[in-house]
Structure formats: structure tokens, C-alpha cells
């Protein structure tokens, strides 16, 4: 009969740095920052095809303008997430 010896191992949880919220906000802002001008261009094309409509043109212009602050906010949150990831207690092994 085999004897199995189990040694106790101390496992510490990594400290919370708030990086998950920053990474989620970076993903949302950057993805909407890329999608907003594409959708805005589609709305502007629809507006140019329909002469009597002003709503599609307004929405398209708004989406084109909103994409700039979204990309800026996404890059800021990406920098915050990267800073938290580098200063966390247990960094990734990939570096």
C-alpha cells in the first residue's frame, strides 16, 4: 500500500489593485471608439440617400464627434490598467 504525503502550502491571494475595472472600461471605451465612426458613417450615408431626413445626419455627426473622447478615455484607462498590472504583487510571467 502506497503512502501519500501532503505538505501544506501557504497560498496568498494577490492584492486587489482595481485593474479589472480599468481594463473593462478600457475595452468598452476603445471598442465603442472604433465602432462609433463606422456607425456614424453608415448613418451619414443613409442621410445622404434620404433628402427629407435630418435625424440620421444628426446621429451620424454625433457619433463621429463622440468617437474622439471615447478613444482618449479608452487609452487613459488602458494606461491605468497597465500601471496597476505592473505594480501588482504577482506580475504576469509573460514579461
N, C-alpha and C. Protein backbone atom coordinates (compact mmCIF):
# COMPACT_ATOMS: atom_id res chain seq x y z
N UNK A 1 0.84 -1.17 0.00
CA UNK A 1 0.00 0.00 0.00
C UNK A 1 0.89 1.25 0.00
N UNK A 2 0.56 2.23 -0.89
CA UNK A 2 1.35 3.45 -1.02
C UNK A 2 0.88 4.49 -0.01
N UNK A 3 1.84 5.21 0.49
CA UNK A 3 1.53 6.29 1.42
C UNK A 3 1.66 7.61 0.68
N UNK A 4 0.64 8.45 0.78
CA UNK A 4 0.65 9.75 0.14
C UNK A 4 0.88 10.80 1.21
N UNK A 5 1.89 11.62 0.97
CA UNK A 5 2.23 12.66 1.92
C UNK A 5 1.82 14.01 1.34
N UNK A 6 1.03 14.73 2.07
CA UNK A 6 0.56 16.03 1.64
C UNK A 6 1.22 17.09 2.51
N UNK A 7 1.91 18.00 1.84
CA UNK A 7 2.54 19.09 2.56
C UNK A 7 1.67 20.32 2.46
N UNK A 8 1.67 21.09 3.51
CA UNK A 8 0.85 22.30 3.48
C UNK A 8 1.60 23.39 2.71
N UNK A 9 0.85 24.09 1.91
CA UNK A 9 1.41 25.17 1.10
C UNK A 9 0.63 26.43 1.43
N UNK A 10 1.36 27.48 1.72
CA UNK A 10 0.72 28.76 2.01
C UNK A 10 0.43 29.47 0.69
N UNK A 11 -0.81 29.72 0.45
CA UNK A 11 -1.22 30.40 -0.78
C UNK A 11 -1.79 31.75 -0.38
N UNK A 12 -1.17 32.79 -0.92
CA UNK A 12 -1.66 34.13 -0.64
C UNK A 12 -2.41 34.65 -1.86
N UNK A 13 -3.50 35.29 -1.61
CA UNK A 13 -4.24 35.90 -2.71
C UNK A 13 -3.55 37.19 -3.11
N UNK A 14 -3.52 37.48 -4.41
CA UNK A 14 -2.90 38.74 -4.82
C UNK A 14 -3.70 39.93 -4.33
N UNK A 15 -2.99 41.00 -4.05
CA UNK A 15 -3.71 42.18 -3.56
C UNK A 15 -4.54 42.78 -4.69
N UNK A 16 -5.65 43.35 -4.33
CA UNK A 16 -6.53 43.93 -5.33
C UNK A 16 -6.03 45.32 -5.69
N UNK A 17 -5.86 45.54 -6.99
CA UNK A 17 -5.34 46.82 -7.43
C UNK A 17 -6.35 47.63 -8.21
N UNK A 18 -7.53 47.08 -8.46
CA UNK A 18 -8.52 47.81 -9.23
C UNK A 18 -8.28 47.73 -10.73
N UNK A 19 -7.40 46.87 -11.14
CA UNK A 19 -7.08 46.75 -12.55
C UNK A 19 -8.20 46.17 -13.39
N UNK A 20 -9.08 45.41 -12.78
CA UNK A 20 -10.14 44.79 -13.56
C UNK A 20 -11.15 45.84 -14.04
N UNK A 21 -11.47 46.81 -13.21
CA UNK A 21 -12.38 47.87 -13.63
C UNK A 21 -11.75 48.72 -14.73
N UNK A 22 -10.47 49.03 -14.58
CA UNK A 22 -9.78 49.83 -15.59
C UNK A 22 -9.70 49.09 -16.91
N UNK A 23 -9.46 47.78 -16.87
CA UNK A 23 -9.38 47.02 -18.11
C UNK A 23 -10.75 46.91 -18.78
N UNK A 24 -11.80 46.78 -17.98
CA UNK A 24 -13.15 46.72 -18.55
C UNK A 24 -13.53 48.06 -19.18
N UNK A 25 -13.23 49.15 -18.50
CA UNK A 25 -13.53 50.47 -19.06
C UNK A 25 -12.69 50.75 -20.30
N UNK A 26 -11.45 50.30 -20.32
CA UNK A 26 -10.60 50.47 -21.50
C UNK A 26 -11.18 49.71 -22.68
N UNK A 27 -11.63 48.47 -22.43
CA UNK A 27 -12.21 47.67 -23.51
C UNK A 27 -13.48 48.32 -24.05
N UNK A 28 -14.35 48.77 -23.17
CA UNK A 28 -15.62 49.38 -23.60
C UNK A 28 -15.37 50.67 -24.37
N UNK A 29 -14.53 51.53 -23.83
CA UNK A 29 -14.28 52.83 -24.48
C UNK A 29 -13.57 52.65 -25.82
N UNK A 30 -12.58 51.77 -25.88
CA UNK A 30 -11.87 51.59 -27.13
C UNK A 30 -12.73 50.91 -28.19
N UNK A 31 -13.54 49.93 -27.78
CA UNK A 31 -14.39 49.27 -28.77
C UNK A 31 -15.47 50.21 -29.30
N UNK A 32 -16.09 51.00 -28.41
CA UNK A 32 -17.07 51.98 -28.89
C UNK A 32 -16.41 53.13 -29.64
N UNK A 33 -15.15 53.44 -29.29
CA UNK A 33 -14.42 54.46 -30.00
C UNK A 33 -14.10 54.05 -31.43
N UNK A 34 -13.97 52.77 -31.67
CA UNK A 34 -13.75 52.27 -33.03
C UNK A 34 -15.08 52.10 -33.77
N UNK A 35 -16.09 51.63 -33.06
CA UNK A 35 -17.39 51.39 -33.71
C UNK A 35 -18.17 52.67 -34.00
N UNK A 36 -18.00 53.69 -33.19
CA UNK A 36 -18.79 54.92 -33.34
C UNK A 36 -18.58 55.60 -34.70
N UNK A 37 -17.35 55.78 -35.19
CA UNK A 37 -17.23 56.42 -36.51
C UNK A 37 -17.74 55.55 -37.65
N UNK A 38 -17.65 54.23 -37.48
CA UNK A 38 -18.18 53.34 -38.53
C UNK A 38 -19.70 53.47 -38.59
N UNK A 39 -20.35 53.42 -37.42
CA UNK A 39 -21.80 53.61 -37.39
C UNK A 39 -22.19 55.01 -37.83
N UNK A 40 -21.39 56.01 -37.45
CA UNK A 40 -21.66 57.38 -37.86
C UNK A 40 -21.59 57.53 -39.37
N UNK A 41 -20.62 56.87 -40.00
CA UNK A 41 -20.51 56.92 -41.45
C UNK A 41 -21.70 56.26 -42.12
N UNK A 42 -22.16 55.15 -41.55
CA UNK A 42 -23.36 54.48 -42.09
C UNK A 42 -24.57 55.39 -41.98
N UNK A 43 -24.74 56.04 -40.83
CA UNK A 43 -25.88 56.96 -40.67
C UNK A 43 -25.78 58.16 -41.61
N UNK A 44 -24.57 58.66 -41.85
CA UNK A 44 -24.41 59.78 -42.76
C UNK A 44 -24.70 59.37 -44.20
N UNK A 45 -24.33 58.15 -44.58
CA UNK A 45 -24.65 57.65 -45.92
C UNK A 45 -26.15 57.51 -46.08
N UNK A 46 -26.83 57.00 -45.05
CA UNK A 46 -28.30 56.89 -45.09
C UNK A 46 -28.91 58.28 -45.20
N UNK A 47 -28.36 59.25 -44.47
CA UNK A 47 -28.86 60.62 -44.52
C UNK A 47 -28.70 61.22 -45.91
N UNK A 48 -27.59 60.94 -46.57
CA UNK A 48 -27.38 61.50 -47.90
C UNK A 48 -28.30 60.85 -48.94
N UNK A 49 -28.75 59.63 -48.67
CA UNK A 49 -29.66 58.97 -49.60
C UNK A 49 -31.10 59.45 -49.41
N UNK A 50 -31.44 59.89 -48.21
CA UNK A 50 -32.80 60.36 -47.91
C UNK A 50 -32.75 61.89 -47.78
N UNK A 51 -33.36 62.58 -48.70
CA UNK A 51 -33.25 64.03 -48.74
C UNK A 51 -34.02 64.73 -47.61
N UNK A 52 -35.17 64.24 -47.23
CA UNK A 52 -36.02 64.94 -46.27
C UNK A 52 -35.71 64.59 -44.82
N UNK A 53 -34.70 63.76 -44.59
CA UNK A 53 -34.43 63.30 -43.23
C UNK A 53 -33.24 64.05 -42.64
N UNK A 54 -33.39 64.51 -41.38
CA UNK A 54 -32.29 65.19 -40.69
C UNK A 54 -31.80 64.39 -39.49
N UNK A 55 -32.58 63.42 -39.07
CA UNK A 55 -32.23 62.67 -37.86
C UNK A 55 -30.98 61.82 -38.08
N UNK A 56 -30.91 61.13 -39.21
CA UNK A 56 -29.75 60.28 -39.47
C UNK A 56 -28.46 61.11 -39.58
N UNK A 57 -28.55 62.28 -40.14
CA UNK A 57 -27.38 63.15 -40.24
C UNK A 57 -26.91 63.63 -38.89
N UNK A 58 -27.87 63.98 -38.02
CA UNK A 58 -27.51 64.44 -36.67
C UNK A 58 -26.89 63.31 -35.85
N UNK A 59 -27.48 62.13 -35.94
CA UNK A 59 -26.94 60.98 -35.20
C UNK A 59 -25.56 60.61 -35.73
N UNK A 60 -25.40 60.62 -37.05
CA UNK A 60 -24.11 60.29 -37.64
C UNK A 60 -23.03 61.28 -37.24
N UNK A 61 -23.35 62.55 -37.25
CA UNK A 61 -22.38 63.57 -36.84
C UNK A 61 -22.04 63.42 -35.37
N UNK A 62 -23.05 63.17 -34.55
CA UNK A 62 -22.80 62.96 -33.12
C UNK A 62 -21.90 61.77 -32.86
N UNK A 63 -22.11 60.68 -33.58
CA UNK A 63 -21.27 59.50 -33.40
C UNK A 63 -19.84 59.76 -33.86
N UNK A 64 -19.68 60.53 -34.93
CA UNK A 64 -18.33 60.86 -35.39
C UNK A 64 -17.59 61.72 -34.36
N UNK A 65 -18.29 62.65 -33.74
CA UNK A 65 -17.67 63.54 -32.77
C UNK A 65 -17.38 62.81 -31.46
N UNK A 66 -18.28 61.93 -31.05
CA UNK A 66 -18.14 61.21 -29.77
C UNK A 66 -16.98 60.21 -29.81
N UNK A 67 -16.58 59.78 -30.99
CA UNK A 67 -15.52 58.78 -31.07
C UNK A 67 -14.18 59.30 -30.54
N UNK A 68 -13.92 60.59 -30.67
CA UNK A 68 -12.64 61.14 -30.22
C UNK A 68 -12.50 61.07 -28.69
N UNK A 69 -13.49 61.55 -27.91
CA UNK A 69 -13.34 61.40 -26.45
C UNK A 69 -13.35 59.95 -25.99
N UNK A 70 -14.08 59.08 -26.70
CA UNK A 70 -14.08 57.66 -26.32
C UNK A 70 -12.69 57.05 -26.49
N UNK A 71 -12.02 57.37 -27.59
CA UNK A 71 -10.67 56.84 -27.80
C UNK A 71 -9.69 57.41 -26.78
N UNK A 72 -9.84 58.68 -26.45
CA UNK A 72 -8.97 59.28 -25.43
C UNK A 72 -9.19 58.64 -24.06
N UNK A 73 -10.45 58.45 -23.68
CA UNK A 73 -10.75 57.82 -22.39
C UNK A 73 -10.27 56.37 -22.37
N UNK A 74 -10.46 55.66 -23.48
CA UNK A 74 -10.00 54.27 -23.55
C UNK A 74 -8.50 54.15 -23.41
N UNK A 75 -7.75 55.05 -24.04
CA UNK A 75 -6.30 55.00 -23.91
C UNK A 75 -5.86 55.36 -22.48
N UNK A 76 -6.59 56.27 -21.84
CA UNK A 76 -6.27 56.60 -20.45
C UNK A 76 -6.49 55.40 -19.54
N UNK A 77 -7.64 54.73 -19.68
CA UNK A 77 -7.92 53.56 -18.84
C UNK A 77 -6.97 52.42 -19.14
N UNK A 78 -6.50 52.31 -20.38
CA UNK A 78 -5.52 51.29 -20.72
C UNK A 78 -4.19 51.57 -20.01
N UNK A 79 -3.80 52.83 -19.94
CA UNK A 79 -2.58 53.20 -19.21
C UNK A 79 -2.73 52.93 -17.72
N UNK A 80 -3.90 53.24 -17.16
CA UNK A 80 -4.14 52.98 -15.74
C UNK A 80 -4.08 51.48 -15.46
N UNK A 81 -4.69 50.68 -16.31
CA UNK A 81 -4.67 49.23 -16.13
C UNK A 81 -3.25 48.69 -16.24
N UNK A 82 -2.48 49.21 -17.20
CA UNK A 82 -1.11 48.75 -17.37
C UNK A 82 -0.26 49.10 -16.15
N UNK A 83 -0.47 50.30 -15.59
CA UNK A 83 0.27 50.70 -14.40
C UNK A 83 -0.07 49.79 -13.22
N UNK A 84 -1.35 49.47 -13.04
CA UNK A 84 -1.76 48.58 -11.95
C UNK A 84 -1.25 47.17 -12.16
N UNK A 85 -1.21 46.74 -13.41
CA UNK A 85 -0.73 45.38 -13.70
C UNK A 85 0.76 45.26 -13.40
N UNK A 86 1.53 46.30 -13.71
CA UNK A 86 2.97 46.26 -13.47
C UNK A 86 3.32 46.39 -12.00
N UNK A 87 2.48 47.05 -11.22
CA UNK A 87 2.77 47.24 -9.80
C UNK A 87 2.05 46.23 -8.91
N UNK A 88 1.36 45.27 -9.50
CA UNK A 88 0.64 44.30 -8.67
C UNK A 88 1.65 43.37 -7.98
N UNK A 89 1.18 42.67 -6.99
CA UNK A 89 2.05 41.82 -6.18
C UNK A 89 2.55 40.62 -6.97
N UNK A 90 1.71 40.09 -7.84
CA UNK A 90 2.08 38.92 -8.63
C UNK A 90 2.00 39.28 -10.11
N UNK A 91 3.08 39.77 -10.70
CA UNK A 91 3.03 40.15 -12.12
C UNK A 91 2.91 38.94 -13.01
N UNK A 92 2.51 39.16 -14.27
CA UNK A 92 2.39 38.08 -15.23
C UNK A 92 3.76 37.47 -15.52
N UNK A 93 3.77 36.21 -15.88
CA UNK A 93 5.00 35.54 -16.22
C UNK A 93 5.41 35.80 -17.67
N UNK A 94 4.54 36.45 -18.44
CA UNK A 94 4.78 36.64 -19.87
C UNK A 94 5.87 37.68 -20.14
N UNK A 95 6.20 38.51 -19.19
CA UNK A 95 7.18 39.58 -19.43
C UNK A 95 8.58 39.09 -19.26
